């Protein structure tokens, strides 16, 4: 018998990144070919598991990022002024998360076990007369 000890909480989810392979083994990577199944390929990058899972603070739900757009931004003003804002300083670059299909979803949960004893005489089944 197992009783879940997270009585008021859901199990906790984690992602585990796979060991990197060569990009030639991944048909959806631009390093390999320009398209796959009629869709354009993007550069592939390996990411650590904590960078792929979003939102990181959620315990009972998760989203894995399969495509990421990166962009550099900078501030050329003082944050104390009301019109200060970030400025884009690079062209956005879209990349695929390499080997996302080989990430492992880990579910952390636990249980308490009990040993049950009976206070009764031994029972031996017998054939009816």
Protein backbone atom coordinates (compact mmCIF):
# COMPACT_ATOMS: atom_id res chain seq x y z
CA UNK A 1 0.00 0.00 0.00
CA UNK A 2 1.36 3.40 -0.95
CA UNK A 3 -0.10 6.71 0.20
CA UNK A 4 1.06 9.84 -1.65
CA UNK A 5 2.69 12.17 0.88
CA UNK A 6 2.16 15.21 -1.37
CA UNK A 7 -1.45 15.31 -0.22
CA UNK A 8 -1.91 19.01 -0.96
CA UNK A 9 0.67 19.34 -3.74
CA UNK A 10 1.11 17.86 -7.19
CA UNK A 11 4.19 15.85 -8.16
CA UNK A 12 7.21 17.90 -9.27
CA UNK A 13 8.34 17.76 -12.92
CA UNK A 14 11.92 18.01 -14.22
CA UNK A 15 13.61 17.69 -17.62
CA UNK A 16 16.89 15.84 -18.13
CA UNK A 17 18.96 16.76 -21.20
CA UNK A 18 20.39 13.95 -23.35
CA UNK A 19 24.05 13.45 -24.18
CA UNK A 20 24.84 15.56 -27.29
CA UNK A 21 25.00 13.83 -30.69
CA UNK A 22 26.37 15.17 -33.96
CA UNK A 23 24.05 17.48 -35.86
CA UNK A 24 24.24 15.16 -38.90
CA UNK A 25 22.02 12.75 -36.93
CA UNK A 26 19.31 15.43 -36.55
CA UNK A 27 17.45 15.96 -39.86
CA UNK A 28 15.72 19.18 -38.70
CA UNK A 29 19.02 21.05 -38.15
CA UNK A 30 20.26 23.58 -40.69
CA UNK A 31 23.77 22.22 -40.09
CA UNK A 32 22.50 19.06 -41.83
CA UNK A 33 20.08 20.21 -44.57
CA UNK A 34 17.96 23.26 -45.47
CA UNK A 35 14.51 21.69 -45.00
CA UNK A 36 12.84 18.63 -43.52
CA UNK A 37 9.38 17.29 -44.45
CA UNK A 38 8.67 20.54 -46.31
CA UNK A 39 9.50 22.82 -43.36
CA UNK A 40 12.55 25.13 -43.19
CA UNK A 41 15.36 24.07 -40.87
CA UNK A 42 17.07 26.35 -38.35
CA UNK A 43 20.45 26.16 -36.68
CA UNK A 44 20.38 23.73 -33.77
CA UNK A 45 21.85 24.38 -30.32
CA UNK A 46 22.12 22.16 -27.28
CA UNK A 47 20.70 23.72 -24.12
CA UNK A 48 20.90 22.66 -20.50
CA UNK A 49 17.68 21.21 -19.11
CA UNK A 50 16.96 24.24 -16.89
CA UNK A 51 17.05 26.54 -19.96
CA UNK A 52 14.55 24.45 -21.95
CA UNK A 53 11.86 24.06 -19.28
CA UNK A 54 9.48 26.99 -18.79
CA UNK A 55 8.12 28.17 -16.39
CA UNK A 56 10.83 27.04 -14.00
CA UNK A 57 8.83 27.94 -10.89
CA UNK A 58 5.76 25.86 -11.74
CA UNK A 59 5.63 22.50 -9.95
CA UNK A 60 2.73 20.76 -11.64
CA UNK A 61 3.03 21.90 -15.26
CA UNK A 62 5.79 22.44 -17.77
CA UNK A 63 6.50 23.64 -21.24
CA UNK A 64 9.60 22.60 -23.19
CA UNK A 65 11.00 25.16 -25.64
CA UNK A 66 11.56 23.55 -29.04
CA UNK A 67 12.30 26.75 -30.97
CA UNK A 68 13.96 29.80 -29.45
CA UNK A 69 14.45 33.29 -30.87
CA UNK A 70 17.47 35.13 -29.49
CA UNK A 71 18.02 38.85 -29.73
CA UNK A 72 20.50 41.26 -28.13
CA UNK A 73 19.13 44.38 -26.48
CA UNK A 74 20.83 47.33 -24.80
CA UNK A 75 19.91 50.49 -22.96
CA UNK A 76 21.33 53.83 -24.13
CA UNK A 77 19.62 56.02 -21.55
CA UNK A 78 19.13 56.49 -17.82
CA UNK A 79 16.41 54.30 -16.28
CA UNK A 80 15.24 57.25 -14.19
CA UNK A 81 13.74 58.90 -17.30
CA UNK A 82 10.19 57.79 -18.18
CA UNK A 83 10.91 57.22 -21.88
CA UNK A 84 13.99 54.99 -21.33
CA UNK A 85 13.61 51.67 -23.11
CA UNK A 86 15.63 48.74 -24.40
CA UNK A 87 16.85 48.97 -27.99
CA UNK A 88 17.36 45.97 -30.23
CA UNK A 89 21.03 45.78 -31.22
CA UNK A 90 21.05 42.60 -33.32
CA UNK A 91 19.01 40.71 -35.86
CA UNK A 92 16.81 38.07 -34.20
CA UNK A 93 18.22 34.55 -34.57
CA UNK A 94 15.89 31.55 -34.40
CA UNK A 95 17.33 28.20 -33.32
CA UNK A 96 15.91 24.76 -32.64
CA UNK A 97 16.59 22.96 -29.38
CA UNK A 98 18.75 20.06 -30.52
CA UNK A 99 17.51 16.59 -29.58
CA UNK A 100 14.39 17.85 -27.78
CA UNK A 101 12.78 14.51 -28.59
CA UNK A 102 15.38 12.75 -26.42
CA UNK A 103 14.92 14.86 -23.27
CA UNK A 104 13.65 12.81 -20.34
CA UNK A 105 10.70 14.02 -18.27
CA UNK A 106 11.26 13.14 -14.63
CA UNK A 107 8.36 13.03 -12.21
CA UNK A 108 9.28 13.34 -8.54
CA UNK A 109 6.75 12.02 -6.10
CA UNK A 110 6.82 9.89 -3.02
CA UNK A 111 4.75 7.68 -0.84
CA UNK A 112 4.56 6.36 2.66
CA UNK A 113 4.24 2.61 3.09
CA UNK A 114 2.67 0.82 5.99
CA UNK A 115 3.08 -2.75 7.08
CA UNK A 116 -0.25 -4.20 8.10
CA UNK A 117 -0.41 -6.89 10.82
CA UNK A 118 -3.42 -8.93 11.75
CA UNK A 119 -4.30 -10.25 15.15
CA UNK A 120 -6.05 -13.47 14.21
CA UNK A 121 -5.34 -17.20 14.17
CA UNK A 122 -3.78 -18.67 11.02
CA UNK A 123 -6.27 -19.61 8.32
CA UNK A 124 -5.94 -22.83 6.32
CA UNK A 125 -8.47 -23.32 3.54
CA UNK A 126 -9.96 -26.79 3.31
CA UNK A 127 -12.22 -28.53 0.85
CA UNK A 128 -15.91 -28.64 1.81
CA UNK A 129 -17.32 -32.01 3.06
